[in-house]
Amino acid sequence: MTMARSSPAWTGWIVFAALMLVIVGVWNVIEGIIGLIYGTRTVVVASDLYVVNIRGWSFVLLVFGALMLAAGIGLLSRKTWARIAAIVVVSLHAIAQVGWLGAYPVWSLLMLAVDVVVLFGLTARWSKVDPGLDDVADVPDWDERYAEPRPPR
């Protein structure tokens, strides 16, 4: 069985987005599990008081973490459904982070920034992607594309 060559559209940003989805997904799962272990917390920020139901937030994090992890693994295996699912999941994750902005401003802004970068990686140069991403196109290796021409013998 020969190793399939990847098209240029799947390199770079897509791999970055996939790895970020896996990292953030694992982090969300860990955060969700820790949140389920502990009950309710009270957060005092400046003059505001937030009572946050950590259990509900933990379930949301577990779901997002599992979906992000699955989409990231699917992206690494070059599946079209994973790219579309990742765009949907990351968009919903960004909306959820806006909802938590009042209680956890620094963390929410960090997650929003990561979500925006991942969305850029998933959607940039979409038109250059082949219609059938599951069938990887034959692209010459680096050496074949960028090698200096050899003089005739």
C-alpha atoms as a PDB file:
ATOM      1  CA  MET A   1       0.000   0.000   0.000  1.00  0.00           C
ATOM      2  CA  THR A   2       1.497   3.307  -1.042  1.00  0.00           C
ATOM      3  CA  MET A   3       1.286   6.448   0.989  1.00  0.00           C
ATOM      4  CA  ALA A   4      -1.113   8.988  -0.549  1.00  0.00           C
ATOM      5  CA  ARG A   5       0.343  12.374  -1.334  1.00  0.00           C
ATOM      6  CA  SER A   6      -1.495  15.337   0.110  1.00  0.00           C
ATOM      7  CA  SER A   7      -2.685  18.244  -1.964  1.00  0.00           C
ATOM      8  CA  PRO A   8      -1.310  21.701  -1.157  1.00  0.00           C
ATOM      9  CA  ALA A   9      -4.725  22.771   0.180  1.00  0.00           C
ATOM     10  CA  TRP A  10      -4.452  20.303   3.050  1.00  0.00           C
ATOM     11  CA  THR A  11      -1.003  21.396   4.136  1.00  0.00           C
ATOM     12  CA  GLY A  12      -0.137  24.222   6.462  1.00  0.00           C
ATOM     13  CA  TRP A  13      -3.285  25.872   7.758  1.00  0.00           C
ATOM     14  CA  ILE A  14      -5.440  22.753   7.720  1.00  0.00           C
ATOM     15  CA  VAL A  15      -2.882  20.784   9.704  1.00  0.00           C
ATOM     16  CA  PHE A  16      -2.521  23.716  12.108  1.00  0.00           C
ATOM     17  CA  ALA A  17      -6.310  23.934  12.504  1.00  0.00           C
ATOM     18  CA  ALA A  18      -6.551  20.184  13.065  1.00  0.00           C
ATOM     19  CA  LEU A  19      -3.859  20.197  15.739  1.00  0.00           C
ATOM     20  CA  MET A  20      -5.431  23.210  17.467  1.00  0.00           C
ATOM     21  CA  LEU A  21      -8.806  21.433  17.437  1.00  0.00           C
ATOM     22  CA  VAL A  22      -7.239  18.369  19.037  1.00  0.00           C
ATOM     23  CA  ILE A  23      -5.410  20.451  21.680  1.00  0.00           C
ATOM     24  CA  VAL A  24      -8.428  22.631  22.535  1.00  0.00           C
ATOM     25  CA  GLY A  25     -10.712  19.578  22.453  1.00  0.00           C
ATOM     26  CA  VAL A  26      -8.537  17.682  24.927  1.00  0.00           C
ATOM     27  CA  TRP A  27      -8.259  20.786  27.097  1.00  0.00           C
ATOM     28  CA  ASN A  28     -12.048  21.249  27.085  1.00  0.00           C
ATOM     29  CA  VAL A  29     -12.583  17.591  28.036  1.00  0.00           C
ATOM     30  CA  ILE A  30     -10.123  17.931  30.934  1.00  0.00           C
ATOM     31  CA  GLU A  31     -11.777  21.182  32.038  1.00  0.00           C
ATOM     32  CA  GLY A  32     -15.207  19.550  31.807  1.00  0.00           C
ATOM     33  CA  ILE A  33     -14.149  16.565  33.919  1.00  0.00           C
ATOM     34  CA  ILE A  34     -12.606  18.824  36.556  1.00  0.00           C
ATOM     35  CA  GLY A  35     -15.765  20.953  36.549  1.00  0.00           C
ATOM     36  CA  LEU A  36     -17.934  17.887  37.120  1.00  0.00           C
ATOM     37  CA  ILE A  37     -15.848  16.922  40.130  1.00  0.00           C
ATOM     38  CA  TYR A  38     -16.458  20.306  41.777  1.00  0.00           C
ATOM     39  CA  GLY A  39     -19.874  21.852  42.393  1.00  0.00           C
ATOM     40  CA  THR A  40     -20.822  25.497  42.131  1.00  0.00           C
ATOM     41  CA  ARG A  41     -18.376  28.368  42.288  1.00  0.00           C
ATOM     42  CA  THR A  42     -18.821  32.048  43.023  1.00  0.00           C
ATOM     43  CA  VAL A  43     -16.685  34.421  40.981  1.00  0.00           C
ATOM     44  CA  VAL A  44     -16.141  37.996  42.133  1.00  0.00           C
ATOM     45  CA  VAL A  45     -14.940  40.285  39.339  1.00  0.00           C
ATOM     46  CA  ALA A  46     -14.425  43.958  40.246  1.00  0.00           C
ATOM     47  CA  SER A  47     -17.850  45.082  41.502  1.00  0.00           C
ATOM     48  CA  ASP A  48     -19.814  42.255  39.888  1.00  0.00           C
ATOM     49  CA  LEU A  49     -20.799  38.926  41.376  1.00  0.00           C
ATOM     50  CA  TYR A  50     -21.299  35.923  39.105  1.00  0.00           C
ATOM     51  CA  VAL A  51     -22.756  32.659  40.326  1.00  0.00           C
ATOM     52  CA  VAL A  52     -21.765  30.097  37.745  1.00  0.00           C
ATOM     53  CA  ASN A  53     -23.257  26.643  37.515  1.00  0.00           C
ATOM     54  CA  ILE A  54     -20.057  24.745  36.916  1.00  0.00           C
ATOM     55  CA  ARG A  55     -21.852  21.460  36.208  1.00  0.00           C
ATOM     56  CA  GLY A  56     -23.764  22.901  33.258  1.00  0.00           C
ATOM     57  CA  TRP A  57     -20.645  24.617  31.957  1.00  0.00           C
ATOM     58  CA  SER A  58     -18.741  21.344  32.372  1.00  0.00           C
ATOM     59  CA  PHE A  59     -21.237  19.411  30.265  1.00  0.00           C
ATOM     60  CA  VAL A  60     -20.997  22.073  27.555  1.00  0.00           C
ATOM     61  CA  LEU A  61     -17.195  21.817  27.663  1.00  0.00           C
ATOM     62  CA  LEU A  62     -17.320  18.022  27.476  1.00  0.00           C
ATOM     63  CA  VAL A  63     -19.569  18.114  24.419  1.00  0.00           C
ATOM     64  CA  PHE A  64     -17.487  20.782  22.675  1.00  0.00           C
ATOM     65  CA  GLY A  65     -14.281  18.969  23.602  1.00  0.00           C
ATOM     66  CA  ALA A  66     -15.480  15.653  22.197  1.00  0.00           C
ATOM     67  CA  LEU A  67     -16.758  17.281  18.987  1.00  0.00           C
ATOM     68  CA  MET A  68     -13.555  19.288  18.515  1.00  0.00           C
ATOM     69  CA  LEU A  69     -11.431  16.218  19.144  1.00  0.00           C
ATOM     70  CA  ALA A  70     -13.415  14.170  16.604  1.00  0.00           C
ATOM     71  CA  ALA A  71     -13.257  16.972  14.016  1.00  0.00           C
ATOM     72  CA  GLY A  72      -9.517  17.413  14.566  1.00  0.00           C
ATOM     73  CA  ILE A  73      -8.838  13.711  14.108  1.00  0.00           C
ATOM     74  CA  GLY A  74     -11.070  13.715  11.018  1.00  0.00           C
ATOM     75  CA  LEU A  75      -9.152  16.675   9.594  1.00  0.00           C
ATOM     76  CA  LEU A  76      -5.861  14.895  10.153  1.00  0.00           C
ATOM     77  CA  SER A  77      -7.255  11.949   8.196  1.00  0.00           C
ATOM     78  CA  ARG A  78      -8.262  14.360   5.370  1.00  0.00           C
ATOM     79  CA  LYS A  79     -12.030  13.930   5.433  1.00  0.00           C
ATOM     80  CA  THR A  80     -14.318  16.556   3.917  1.00  0.00           C
ATOM     81  CA  TRP A  81     -17.023  16.022   6.538  1.00  0.00           C
ATOM     82  CA  ALA A  82     -14.468  16.891   9.229  1.00  0.00           C
ATOM     83  CA  ARG A  83     -13.690  20.252   7.671  1.00  0.00           C
ATOM     84  CA  ILE A  84     -17.359  21.209   7.489  1.00  0.00           C
ATOM     85  CA  ALA A  85     -18.073  19.846  10.974  1.00  0.00           C
ATOM     86  CA  ALA A  86     -15.050  21.689  12.367  1.00  0.00           C
ATOM     87  CA  ILE A  87     -16.282  24.989  10.936  1.00  0.00           C
ATOM     88  CA  VAL A  88     -19.694  24.469  12.577  1.00  0.00           C
ATOM     89  CA  VAL A  89     -18.256  23.329  15.925  1.00  0.00           C
ATOM     90  CA  VAL A  90     -15.673  26.116  16.115  1.00  0.00           C
ATOM     91  CA  SER A  91     -18.322  28.714  15.230  1.00  0.00           C
ATOM     92  CA  LEU A  92     -20.619  27.430  17.989  1.00  0.00           C
ATOM     93  CA  HIS A  93     -17.663  27.308  20.394  1.00  0.00           C
ATOM     94  CA  ALA A  94     -16.905  30.968  19.637  1.00  0.00           C
ATOM     95  CA  ILE A  95     -20.535  31.917  20.317  1.00  0.00           C
ATOM     96  CA  ALA A  96     -20.433  30.006  23.614  1.00  0.00           C
ATOM     97  CA  GLN A  97     -17.241  31.837  24.576  1.00  0.00           C
ATOM     98  CA  VAL A  98     -18.976  35.183  24.006  1.00  0.00           C
ATOM     99  CA  GLY A  99     -21.596  34.011  26.506  1.00  0.00           C
ATOM    100  CA  TRP A 100     -18.894  33.328  29.108  1.00  0.00           C
ATOM    101  CA  LEU A 101     -17.085  36.612  28.442  1.00  0.00           C
ATOM    102  CA  GLY A 102     -18.528  38.336  31.520  1.00  0.00           C
ATOM    103  CA  ALA A 103     -17.481  35.620  33.958  1.00  0.00           C
ATOM    104  CA  TYR A 104     -14.124  34.601  32.425  1.00  0.00           C
ATOM    105  CA  PRO A 105     -12.919  37.515  30.273  1.00  0.00           C
ATOM    106  CA  VAL A 106      -9.276  36.562  29.736  1.00  0.00           C
ATOM    107  CA  TRP A 107      -9.948  32.894  29.049  1.00  0.00           C
ATOM    108  CA  SER A 108     -12.904  33.652  26.786  1.00  0.00           C
ATOM    109  CA  LEU A 109     -10.892  36.180  24.765  1.00  0.00           C
ATOM    110  CA  LEU A 110      -8.066  33.667  24.408  1.00  0.00           C
ATOM    111  CA  MET A 111     -10.475  30.983  23.200  1.00  0.00           C
ATOM    112  CA  LEU A 112     -12.138  33.459  20.816  1.00  0.00           C
ATOM    113  CA  ALA A 113      -8.739  34.303  19.330  1.00  0.00           C
ATOM    114  CA  VAL A 114      -7.928  30.605  18.865  1.00  0.00           C
ATOM    115  CA  ASP A 115     -11.352  30.005  17.312  1.00  0.00           C
ATOM    116  CA  VAL A 116     -10.875  32.858  14.826  1.00  0.00           C
ATOM    117  CA  VAL A 117      -7.441  31.592  13.770  1.00  0.00           C
ATOM    118  CA  VAL A 118      -8.765  28.043  13.383  1.00  0.00           C
ATOM    119  CA  LEU A 119     -11.738  29.310  11.337  1.00  0.00           C
ATOM    120  CA  PHE A 120      -9.327  31.181   9.087  1.00  0.00           C
ATOM    121  CA  GLY A 121      -7.276  28.040   8.645  1.00  0.00           C
ATOM    122  CA  LEU A 122     -10.344  26.016   7.771  1.00  0.00           C
ATOM    123  CA  THR A 123     -11.879  28.487   5.324  1.00  0.00           C
ATOM    124  CA  ALA A 124      -8.882  30.147   3.652  1.00  0.00           C
ATOM    125  CA  ARG A 125      -8.367  29.080   0.048  1.00  0.00           C
ATOM    126  CA  TRP A 126     -11.475  26.913   0.108  1.00  0.00           C
ATOM    127  CA  SER A 127     -11.795  27.212  -3.683  1.00  0.00           C
ATOM    128  CA  LYS A 128      -8.410  25.578  -4.247  1.00  0.00           C
ATOM    129  CA  VAL A 129      -9.566  22.408  -2.540  1.00  0.00           C
ATOM    130  CA  ASP A 130     -10.464  19.609  -4.904  1.00  0.00           C
ATOM    131  CA  PRO A 131     -14.163  18.628  -4.951  1.00  0.00           C
ATOM    132  CA  GLY A 132     -13.338  15.107  -3.838  1.00  0.00           C
ATOM    133  CA  LEU A 133     -11.031  15.577  -0.891  1.00  0.00           C
ATOM    134  CA  ASP A 134     -11.326  11.956   0.087  1.00  0.00           C
ATOM    135  CA  ASP A 135      -9.528  11.096  -3.168  1.00  0.00           C
ATOM    136  CA  VAL A 136      -6.186  12.805  -2.685  1.00  0.00           C
ATOM    137  CA  ALA A 137      -4.795  14.272  -5.891  1.00  0.00           C
ATOM    138  CA  ASP A 138      -1.416  13.249  -7.229  1.00  0.00           C
ATOM    139  CA  VAL A 139       0.900  16.129  -6.496  1.00  0.00           C
ATOM    140  CA  PRO A 140       4.603  15.850  -7.264  1.00  0.00           C
ATOM    141  CA  ASP A 141       6.938  15.584  -4.336  1.00  0.00           C
ATOM    142  CA  TRP A 142       8.898  18.632  -3.210  1.00  0.00           C
ATOM    143  CA  ASP A 143      11.996  17.383  -5.014  1.00  0.00           C
ATOM    144  CA  GLU A 144      10.123  16.977  -8.312  1.00  0.00           C
ATOM    145  CA  ARG A 145       8.511  20.430  -8.174  1.00  0.00           C
ATOM    146  CA  TYR A 146      11.428  22.531  -6.969  1.00  0.00           C
ATOM    147  CA  ALA A 147      14.472  20.687  -8.198  1.00  0.00           C
ATOM    148  CA  GLU A 148      16.804  22.534 -10.523  1.00  0.00           C
ATOM    149  CA  PRO A 149      16.633  21.354 -14.107  1.00  0.00           C
ATOM    150  CA  ARG A 150      19.262  18.759 -14.928  1.00  0.00           C
ATOM    151  CA  PRO A 151      21.480  19.345 -17.933  1.00  0.00           C
ATOM    152  CA  PRO A 152      21.033  16.829 -20.767  1.00  0.00           C
ATOM    153  CA  ARG A 153      23.688  14.129 -21.033  1.00  0.00           C
END
